[in-house]
Structure formats: structure tokens, C-alpha cells
Amino acid sequence: MPLEEEMWFHGTIDRKDVPNLLKNEGDYLVRESSTKPGQFVLSTRSEGQIRHFIIQLSDDVSGAYLI
């Protein structure tokens, strides 16, 4: 399934718009950074706070993604 068709992927949205989308504890989404194109961010609502984690491609040959 293409990334754009996943329910949790929201494309390029600004960080300030994320709280409107993450209303309940445990909600999450993956978005493309609006300030660093090509970089992805995992945004979550946990313990009443919104947190943002940069998803990075591993430097080794595994092709793994790291948070």
C-alpha cells in the first residue's frame, strides 16, 4: 500500500496543526516535516502532551529507520 494511503500518514503538515488531529491519548500520526522536506516525524499524544520524534534512516547498510 502506498504511504499516502495509510490512515496514519498525513503528508506535509505544520507542527502547529498536529494538536488538532491528535485529540485522544495514544493517538499518533506520521508526517513529512514542513521545514525539512524529505524528513519524516512521528507525532504522538501521550500523558496529555504532544511529542514529536524525528524518523531517521540508519547509517548502516540495513536500511532500517530509527526514532
Protein backbone atom coordinates (compact mmCIF):
# COMPACT_ATOMS: atom_id res chain seq x y z
CA MET A 1 0.00 0.00 0.00
CA PRO A 2 1.43 3.43 -0.90
CA LEU A 3 2.38 5.60 2.06
CA GLU A 4 -0.14 8.25 1.05
CA GLU A 5 -3.00 5.74 1.50
CA GLU A 6 -2.12 4.85 5.10
CA MET A 7 -4.55 6.27 7.69
CA TRP A 8 -1.70 7.36 9.95
CA PHE A 9 0.17 9.31 7.25
CA HIS A 10 -0.78 12.98 6.91
CA GLY A 11 1.71 14.25 4.33
CA THR A 12 3.28 17.66 4.82
CA ILE A 13 1.52 19.42 7.67
CA ASP A 14 2.84 22.08 10.01
CA ARG A 15 3.76 21.09 13.56
CA LYS A 16 1.30 23.65 14.95
CA ASP A 17 -1.59 21.82 13.25
CA VAL A 18 -0.84 18.46 14.89
CA PRO A 19 -2.71 19.03 18.21
CA ASN A 20 -5.97 19.47 16.28
CA LEU A 21 -5.52 15.97 14.83
CA LEU A 22 -4.30 14.16 17.96
CA LYS A 23 -7.22 14.56 20.33
CA ASN A 24 -7.12 11.32 22.35
CA GLU A 25 -4.48 9.64 24.49
CA GLY A 26 -2.45 7.27 22.30
CA ASP A 27 -3.29 8.99 19.00
CA TYR A 28 -0.39 9.22 16.58
CA LEU A 29 0.47 10.18 13.03
CA VAL A 30 3.44 10.30 10.70
CA ARG A 31 4.00 13.46 8.73
CA GLU A 32 6.59 14.95 6.46
CA SER A 33 8.44 17.82 8.09
CA SER A 34 7.27 21.19 6.79
CA THR A 35 10.68 22.74 7.48
CA LYS A 36 12.91 19.86 6.29
CA PRO A 37 11.40 18.28 3.16
CA GLY A 38 12.08 14.56 2.88
CA GLN A 39 12.33 14.13 6.64
CA PHE A 40 9.53 12.32 8.48
CA VAL A 41 8.25 12.85 12.01
CA LEU A 42 6.22 10.62 14.33
CA SER A 43 3.85 12.78 16.40
CA THR A 44 2.03 11.30 19.40
CA ARG A 45 -0.29 12.32 22.24
CA SER A 46 0.92 10.69 25.44
CA GLU A 47 0.34 11.64 29.06
CA GLY A 48 -1.58 14.71 27.88
CA GLN A 49 1.32 16.05 25.82
CA ILE A 50 2.09 16.13 22.13
CA ARG A 51 5.55 14.78 21.34
CA HIS A 52 7.44 14.77 18.05
CA PHE A 53 10.11 12.21 17.12
CA ILE A 54 12.28 12.53 14.01
CA ILE A 55 12.43 9.31 11.99
CA GLN A 56 15.98 8.83 10.69
CA LEU A 57 17.40 6.36 8.20
CA SER A 58 20.15 4.25 9.75
CA ASP A 59 23.72 4.99 8.63
CA ASP A 60 24.49 1.30 8.14
CA VAL A 61 23.56 -0.85 5.16
CA SER A 62 20.45 -2.31 6.83
CA GLY A 63 18.17 0.43 5.54
CA ALA A 64 16.43 0.50 8.93
CA TYR A 65 14.62 3.54 10.27
CA LEU A 66 15.35 4.83 13.79
CA ILE A 67 13.34 7.02 16.13
